[in-house]
Amino acid sequence: MTVNDIANILEELAPLAHAEDFDNVGLLVGEPTTTVSGVLVTLDTLENVVDEAIAKKCNLIVSFHPIIFKGLKRLTGSNYVERVVLKAIRHNIAIYCMHTALDNSKMGVNAKICEVLGIQNPQILIPRKGAIKKLVTYAPLADAATVKSALFAAGAGEIGKYSNCSFNLDGLGSFKAGDDANPTIGKIGESHVEKETQINVIYSFEKENNILKALFESHPYEEVAYEVTTLENANQDLGMGMIGTLATEMEEKAFLAFVKDRMNVSVVRHSEFLGRKVRKVAVLGGSGAFAITAAKQAKADVFISADIKYHDFFQAENQLLIADIGHFETEQFTKDLLVDYLTKKIPNFAVSLSESITNPIKYL
């Protein structure tokens, strides 16, 4: 398999188009056509991780965090980022990063936290807006089924657990072909009325190029009439954080002790206890202070995240318990998620879980 083959498999889980605008995801080092000898999965790509890849004869590192985040103006080995990139290049090791593309996946970082903590029926905490589009097109009655099938095959018409969804309305379309036209139906210079079906389908924004390509290739007309609209509807299967419920409610202190045990955490920073039972839990891996308001609006009893600043804790406002368990700690099981996913997708391929410790924070 090539680097590009592995990348395509990873994009089925977390399309790169789902990453945040500020992020740097995808293939950061290496060539997509390189044949892969083995994959090493890590949370961070540091020098010791590259050394591990060399020792394990893995020439592709799949990393959660991007080693290159800002633009590099030179490669002189003057800092850890440059040293990692130089070492990877010298040893022909490719580096592929997922970061917020996986954060936004309904089967990604936050789903894994929910799994570890036994949170049931998890739903996206902050669904992505502006990510659903609607296509309206018109096809002759005899060709409507063919056009719809092509659109469905390209990914249109998927709503939650349902596929091949569309709304169709029969009517009359009219046109007059110009002198240099090549009409499929009708004659040049004559007005023509044709029985047509109006086809309405929605789709996730990253599928647009494939869907329009399918439309043009399947449609019989020389000129295809269509409209594309971005909807205000939030995509419930895409977005940051997750929220769900515990099988059994717990006391606040007991719940935090449970979190420390399950998440292998030595220290939990938290807001004031409210003396309530914990049943509804919101989580967001990594830096998640921006989601405190959403967690309150969703009536969460506890919000678990990381990198919560001093003043952010005031936002609890006696409405929920905020728990900061550490950045690395919230994301540490992400590499297990990726190893499991790749192993299932390519069971006869060498996929290794990195044993390197990349957490830069130590506790006394």
Protein backbone atom coordinates (compact mmCIF):
# COMPACT_ATOMS: atom_id res chain seq x y z
CA MET A 1 0.00 0.00 0.00
CA THR A 2 1.09 3.58 -0.60
CA VAL A 3 0.97 6.55 1.75
CA ASN A 4 -1.98 7.81 -0.27
CA ASP A 5 -3.83 4.49 0.19
CA ILE A 6 -3.47 4.76 3.97
CA ALA A 7 -4.48 8.43 3.87
CA ASN A 8 -7.67 7.55 1.97
CA ILE A 9 -8.57 4.98 4.62
CA LEU A 10 -7.99 7.52 7.39
CA GLU A 11 -10.14 10.07 5.56
CA GLU A 12 -13.06 7.67 5.72
CA LEU A 13 -12.89 8.13 9.49
CA ALA A 14 -11.97 11.81 9.51
CA PRO A 15 -12.11 13.73 6.21
CA LEU A 16 -9.47 16.45 6.18
CA ALA A 17 -12.13 18.94 5.06
CA HIS A 18 -13.66 18.56 8.53
CA ALA A 19 -10.59 20.07 10.20
CA GLU A 20 -10.74 23.60 11.59
CA ASP A 21 -9.50 26.42 9.36
CA PHE A 22 -6.55 27.22 11.64
CA ASP A 23 -5.26 23.66 11.58
CA ASN A 24 -2.55 21.93 9.54
CA VAL A 25 -3.63 18.38 8.70
CA GLY A 26 -2.88 15.69 6.13
CA LEU A 27 0.47 14.62 4.73
CA LEU A 28 3.05 17.02 6.21
CA VAL A 29 6.26 15.17 5.29
CA GLY A 30 6.89 12.66 2.51
CA GLU A 31 5.45 11.68 -0.85
CA PRO A 32 1.96 10.18 -1.34
CA THR A 33 3.23 7.55 -3.81
CA THR A 34 5.74 6.01 -1.37
CA THR A 35 5.15 2.32 -0.66
CA VAL A 36 4.51 1.85 3.06
CA SER A 37 6.51 -0.78 4.96
CA GLY A 38 4.73 -0.18 8.27
CA VAL A 39 2.67 2.41 10.17
CA LEU A 40 3.49 3.82 13.60
CA VAL A 41 0.62 5.61 15.35
CA THR A 42 1.41 8.34 17.87
CA LEU A 43 -0.15 11.32 19.62
CA ASP A 44 2.83 13.59 18.88
CA THR A 45 5.69 13.24 16.43
CA LEU A 46 8.87 13.90 18.39
CA GLU A 47 12.47 12.80 17.77
CA ASN A 48 12.08 9.71 19.95
CA VAL A 49 8.99 8.75 17.93
CA VAL A 50 10.96 9.00 14.67
CA ASP A 51 13.69 6.85 16.26
CA GLU A 52 11.03 4.32 17.22
CA ALA A 53 9.70 4.31 13.65
CA ILE A 54 13.23 3.65 12.35
CA ALA A 55 13.72 0.79 14.81
CA LYS A 56 10.37 -0.77 13.90
CA LYS A 57 10.95 -0.26 10.14
CA CYS A 58 7.86 1.92 9.82
CA ASN A 59 8.14 4.55 7.11
CA LEU A 60 4.79 6.21 7.84
CA ILE A 61 3.96 7.95 11.11
CA VAL A 62 0.27 8.69 11.68
CA SER A 63 0.18 11.45 14.28
CA PHE A 64 -2.73 13.14 16.00
CA HIS A 65 -0.99 16.48 16.57
CA PRO A 66 0.78 18.19 13.64
CA ILE A 67 4.54 18.56 14.00
CA ILE A 68 4.39 21.46 11.53
CA PHE A 69 1.79 23.95 12.69
CA LYS A 70 3.17 27.28 11.56
CA GLY A 71 5.13 27.97 8.40
CA LEU A 72 8.79 26.91 8.39
CA LYS A 73 11.15 29.48 6.87
CA ARG A 74 14.25 27.32 7.24
CA LEU A 75 15.33 23.77 8.16
CA THR A 76 18.53 24.06 10.16
CA GLY A 77 17.73 21.81 13.12
CA SER A 78 17.61 24.76 15.50
CA ASN A 79 14.47 23.53 17.30
CA TYR A 80 12.60 20.27 17.91
CA VAL A 81 10.22 20.80 14.98
CA GLU A 82 13.04 21.25 12.48
CA ARG A 83 14.98 18.32 13.93
CA VAL A 84 11.98 16.00 13.62
CA VAL A 85 11.32 17.02 10.01
CA LEU A 86 14.98 16.68 9.04
CA LYS A 87 15.31 13.25 10.65
CA ALA A 88 12.10 12.05 9.00
CA ILE A 89 13.28 13.23 5.59
CA ARG A 90 16.74 11.67 6.02
CA HIS A 91 15.15 8.30 6.79
CA ASN A 92 12.38 8.55 4.16
CA ILE A 93 9.65 8.57 6.78
CA ALA A 94 6.33 10.20 5.93
CA ILE A 95 4.27 12.02 8.56
CA TYR A 96 0.48 12.25 8.31
CA CYS A 97 -1.54 14.30 10.81
CA MET A 98 -5.26 14.23 11.69
CA HIS A 99 -5.82 16.62 14.64
CA THR A 100 -9.10 18.58 14.44
CA ALA A 101 -10.39 16.44 11.57
CA LEU A 102 -10.50 13.62 14.13
CA ASP A 103 -11.72 15.98 16.86
CA ASN A 104 -14.78 16.72 14.71
CA SER A 105 -15.47 13.08 13.87
CA LYS A 106 -18.41 11.39 15.60
CA MET A 107 -16.15 8.33 15.91
CA GLY A 108 -13.06 10.28 16.93
CA VAL A 109 -11.34 11.67 20.00
CA ASN A 110 -14.42 12.47 22.06
CA ALA A 111 -16.19 9.25 21.18
CA LYS A 112 -13.15 7.42 22.57
CA ILE A 113 -13.32 9.39 25.83
CA CYS A 114 -17.00 8.45 26.12
CA GLU A 115 -16.12 4.82 25.52
CA VAL A 116 -13.43 4.82 28.23
CA LEU A 117 -15.75 6.51 30.74
CA GLY A 118 -18.78 4.40 29.85
CA ILE A 119 -20.82 7.40 28.72
CA GLN A 120 -23.92 6.13 26.94
CA ASN A 121 -25.74 7.50 23.87
CA PRO A 122 -23.12 10.18 23.14
CA GLN A 123 -24.16 13.04 20.87
CA ILE A 124 -22.14 15.89 19.36
CA LEU A 125 -21.94 18.77 21.86
CA ILE A 126 -21.34 21.56 19.31
CA PRO A 127 -22.65 20.45 15.89
CA ARG A 128 -20.92 22.11 12.93
CA LYS A 129 -22.92 24.83 11.19
CA GLY A 130 -22.64 25.62 7.49
CA ALA A 131 -21.55 22.06 6.72
CA ILE A 132 -24.73 20.85 5.01
CA LYS A 133 -25.53 21.80 1.43
CA LYS A 134 -28.56 21.28 -0.77
CA LEU A 135 -28.54 20.50 -4.48
CA VAL A 136 -31.58 21.14 -6.66
CA THR A 137 -31.47 19.91 -10.24
CA TYR A 138 -33.87 18.99 -13.02
CA ALA A 139 -33.83 15.91 -15.26
CA PRO A 140 -36.14 14.43 -17.91
CA LEU A 141 -38.57 11.92 -16.38
CA ALA A 142 -36.90 9.02 -18.18
CA ASP A 143 -33.45 9.95 -16.82
CA ALA A 144 -34.33 11.05 -13.27
CA ALA A 145 -33.69 7.64 -11.72
CA THR A 146 -30.25 7.40 -13.35
CA VAL A 147 -29.27 10.87 -12.17
CA LYS A 148 -30.45 10.18 -8.62
CA SER A 149 -28.55 6.89 -8.47
CA ALA A 150 -25.36 8.66 -9.54
CA LEU A 151 -25.86 11.38 -6.91
CA PHE A 152 -26.50 8.80 -4.19
CA ALA A 153 -23.39 6.84 -5.18
CA ALA A 154 -21.34 10.05 -4.83
CA GLY A 155 -22.59 10.59 -1.27
CA ALA A 156 -25.66 12.79 -1.68
CA GLY A 157 -28.88 12.10 0.20
CA GLU A 158 -27.37 10.86 3.46
CA ILE A 159 -29.25 11.97 6.58
CA GLY A 160 -28.09 10.39 9.84
CA LYS A 161 -28.66 6.64 9.59
CA TYR A 162 -30.56 6.98 6.31
CA SER A 163 -29.27 7.06 2.74
CA ASN A 164 -30.70 7.64 -0.76
CA CYS A 165 -32.85 10.47 0.64
CA SER A 166 -34.38 12.92 -1.84
CA PHE A 167 -37.48 14.97 -2.57
CA ASN A 168 -38.81 14.87 -6.12
CA LEU A 169 -41.42 16.94 -7.90
CA ASP A 170 -42.61 16.43 -11.48
CA GLY A 171 -43.24 19.46 -13.67
CA LEU A 172 -42.50 21.06 -17.01
CA GLY A 173 -39.16 22.48 -18.10
CA SER A 174 -38.79 24.74 -21.12
CA PHE A 175 -35.86 25.87 -23.28
CA LYS A 176 -34.84 26.93 -26.77
CA ALA A 177 -31.56 25.68 -28.22
CA GLY A 178 -29.24 28.25 -29.82
CA ASP A 179 -27.67 27.89 -33.26
CA ASP A 180 -24.43 26.41 -31.90
CA ALA A 181 -26.08 24.12 -29.33
CA ASN A 182 -26.19 20.34 -29.45
CA PRO A 183 -29.49 19.51 -27.73
CA THR A 184 -30.27 16.01 -26.49
CA ILE A 185 -33.98 16.78 -26.75
CA GLY A 186 -35.69 19.37 -28.96
CA LYS A 187 -34.59 21.19 -32.10
CA ILE A 188 -32.30 24.16 -32.65
CA GLY A 189 -34.17 27.43 -32.78
CA GLU A 190 -37.43 25.98 -31.48
CA SER A 191 -38.93 26.38 -28.01
CA HIS A 192 -39.33 23.02 -26.30
CA VAL A 193 -41.28 21.88 -23.25
CA GLU A 194 -40.17 18.69 -21.51
CA LYS A 195 -41.66 16.72 -18.63
CA GLU A 196 -38.97 16.82 -15.95
CA THR A 197 -38.38 15.82 -12.34
CA GLN A 198 -37.02 18.33 -9.86
CA ILE A 199 -34.53 16.45 -7.63
CA ASN A 200 -33.63 17.80 -4.19
CA VAL A 201 -30.81 16.21 -2.18
CA ILE A 202 -28.62 17.32 0.72
CA TYR A 203 -24.98 16.43 1.32
CA SER A 204 -21.97 17.15 3.51
CA PHE A 205 -19.90 20.00 2.11
CA GLU A 206 -16.69 18.01 1.52
CA LYS A 207 -18.49 15.77 -0.99
CA GLU A 208 -19.49 18.61 -3.31
CA ASN A 209 -16.87 18.09 -6.05
CA ASN A 210 -17.68 14.38 -6.39
CA ILE A 211 -21.42 15.03 -6.36
CA LEU A 212 -21.30 17.72 -9.04
CA LYS A 213 -19.02 15.51 -11.13
CA ALA A 214 -21.58 12.70 -10.84
CA LEU A 215 -24.37 15.10 -11.80
CA PHE A 216 -22.65 16.29 -14.97
CA GLU A 217 -21.59 12.80 -16.02
CA SER A 218 -25.02 11.21 -15.50
CA HIS A 219 -27.21 14.01 -16.82
CA PRO A 220 -28.30 13.76 -20.48
CA TYR A 221 -28.47 17.52 -21.14
CA GLU A 222 -25.68 19.52 -22.72
CA GLU A 223 -26.27 22.29 -20.16
CA VAL A 224 -27.31 21.11 -16.69
CA ALA A 225 -29.53 23.39 -14.62
CA TYR A 226 -28.77 23.14 -10.91
CA GLU A 227 -28.68 25.19 -7.71
CA VAL A 228 -26.43 24.75 -4.65
CA THR A 229 -27.39 26.27 -1.30
CA THR A 230 -25.60 26.20 2.05
CA LEU A 231 -28.13 25.38 4.77
CA GLU A 232 -28.37 26.81 8.27
CA ASN A 233 -29.07 23.32 9.65
CA ALA A 234 -26.32 22.10 11.98
CA ASN A 235 -24.72 18.77 11.10
CA GLN A 236 -25.53 16.55 14.08
CA ASP A 237 -22.88 14.00 13.05
CA LEU A 238 -20.01 16.51 12.83
CA GLY A 239 -18.60 18.85 15.43
CA MET A 240 -16.69 19.40 18.65
CA GLY A 241 -17.20 17.59 21.94
CA MET A 242 -19.76 15.01 22.99
CA ILE A 243 -22.41 14.68 25.66
CA GLY A 244 -24.12 11.60 27.06
CA THR A 245 -25.23 9.92 30.26
CA LEU A 246 -23.78 7.55 32.82
CA ALA A 247 -25.49 4.20 33.33
CA THR A 248 -25.77 5.05 37.04
CA GLU A 249 -25.58 8.50 38.62
CA MET A 250 -22.66 9.18 40.95
CA GLU A 251 -21.61 11.62 43.66
CA GLU A 252 -19.31 14.36 42.33
CA LYS A 253 -16.21 13.31 44.29
CA ALA A 254 -16.78 9.67 43.46
CA PHE A 255 -17.17 10.53 39.79
CA LEU A 256 -13.91 12.49 39.66
CA ALA A 257 -12.14 9.58 41.40
CA PHE A 258 -13.67 7.32 38.73
CA VAL A 259 -12.38 9.64 35.98
CA LYS A 260 -8.88 9.66 37.50
CA ASP A 261 -8.83 5.88 37.50
CA ARG A 262 -10.27 5.32 34.01
CA MET A 263 -8.27 8.11 32.35
CA ASN A 264 -5.06 7.37 34.26
CA VAL A 265 -4.94 10.89 35.67
CA SER A 266 -2.88 11.93 38.68
CA VAL A 267 -4.38 15.42 39.17
CA VAL A 268 -7.81 16.91 38.44
CA ARG A 269 -8.37 20.66 38.57
CA HIS A 270 -12.05 21.42 39.07
CA SER A 271 -14.57 24.10 39.92
CA GLU A 272 -16.55 24.13 43.16
CA PHE A 273 -18.59 21.05 44.01
CA LEU A 274 -22.32 21.70 43.75
CA GLY A 275 -23.55 18.85 45.92
CA ARG A 276 -25.45 17.26 43.03
CA LYS A 277 -25.49 13.83 41.50
CA VAL A 278 -23.62 13.37 38.22
CA ARG A 279 -25.57 11.74 35.39
CA LYS A 280 -25.12 13.89 32.25
CA VAL A 281 -21.49 14.34 31.18
CA ALA A 282 -19.96 16.50 28.43
CA VAL A 283 -16.41 15.91 27.19
CA LEU A 284 -14.02 17.66 24.84
CA GLY A 285 -10.48 16.41 24.28
CA GLY A 286 -7.69 18.97 24.32
CA SER A 287 -8.23 22.69 24.95
CA GLY A 288 -11.96 23.00 25.49
CA ALA A 289 -12.78 26.13 27.47
CA PHE A 290 -14.68 27.48 24.46
CA ALA A 291 -17.29 24.72 24.96
CA ILE A 292 -18.22 25.54 28.58
CA THR A 293 -21.24 27.59 27.49
CA ALA A 294 -22.44 24.78 25.21
CA ALA A 295 -22.10 22.28 28.05
CA LYS A 296 -24.20 24.51 30.31
CA GLN A 297 -26.84 24.97 27.61
CA ALA A 298 -26.99 21.20 27.19
CA LYS A 299 -27.64 20.84 30.95
CA ALA A 300 -24.48 18.80 31.58
CA ASP A 301 -23.72 18.01 35.21
CA VAL A 302 -19.98 17.84 34.49
CA PHE A 303 -17.79 19.15 31.67
CA ILE A 304 -14.46 17.32 31.24
CA SER A 305 -11.73 18.94 29.16
CA ALA A 306 -8.25 20.50 29.48
CA ASP A 307 -6.27 23.75 29.49
CA ILE A 308 -8.97 25.55 31.46
CA LYS A 309 -7.64 28.95 32.57
CA TYR A 310 -8.24 30.56 35.94
CA HIS A 311 -11.01 32.88 34.76
CA ASP A 312 -12.66 30.12 32.71
CA PHE A 313 -13.58 28.28 35.90
CA PHE A 314 -15.82 31.20 36.89
CA GLN A 315 -18.05 30.27 33.95
CA ALA A 316 -19.32 27.29 35.92
CA GLU A 317 -21.65 29.76 37.72
CA ASN A 318 -23.04 27.00 39.95
CA GLN A 319 -24.59 25.36 36.90
CA LEU A 320 -22.13 22.54 36.34
CA LEU A 321 -18.85 21.06 37.54
CA ILE A 322 -15.84 21.82 35.33
CA ALA A 323 -13.01 19.28 35.43
CA ASP A 324 -9.62 19.84 33.80
CA ILE A 325 -7.82 16.50 33.62
CA GLY A 326 -4.94 17.57 31.33
CA HIS A 327 -4.41 17.96 27.60
CA PHE A 328 -2.42 14.77 27.05
CA GLU A 329 -4.71 12.86 29.38
CA THR A 330 -7.88 13.70 27.42
CA GLU A 331 -6.29 12.64 24.14
CA GLN A 332 -4.04 9.76 25.21
CA PHE A 333 -6.38 7.00 23.98
CA THR A 334 -6.65 8.52 20.51
CA LYS A 335 -3.72 6.47 19.23
CA ASP A 336 -5.43 3.29 20.47
CA LEU A 337 -8.50 4.34 18.51
CA LEU A 338 -6.44 4.79 15.33
CA VAL A 339 -4.56 1.51 15.73
CA ASP A 340 -7.83 -0.37 16.21
CA TYR A 341 -9.37 1.36 13.20
CA LEU A 342 -6.44 0.72 10.85
CA THR A 343 -6.05 -2.88 12.04
CA LYS A 344 -9.68 -3.59 11.19
CA LYS A 345 -9.42 -1.85 7.81
CA ILE A 346 -6.11 -3.46 6.81
CA PRO A 347 -5.75 -6.54 9.06
CA ASN A 348 -2.75 -7.99 7.22
CA PHE A 349 -0.71 -4.79 7.40
CA ALA A 350 1.87 -3.80 10.02
CA VAL A 351 0.30 -1.15 12.27
CA SER A 352 2.11 -0.37 15.54
CA LEU A 353 1.12 1.61 18.62
CA SER A 354 3.90 3.99 19.61
CA GLU A 355 5.46 3.22 22.97
CA SER A 356 7.18 6.62 23.17
CA ILE A 357 6.07 8.96 25.95
CA THR A 358 5.25 12.36 24.44
CA ASN A 359 3.52 14.14 27.33
CA PRO A 360 5.67 17.25 28.03
CA ILE A 361 3.98 17.86 31.40
CA LYS A 362 5.18 16.13 34.55
CA TYR A 363 3.60 16.04 38.00
CA LEU A 364 5.40 16.01 41.33
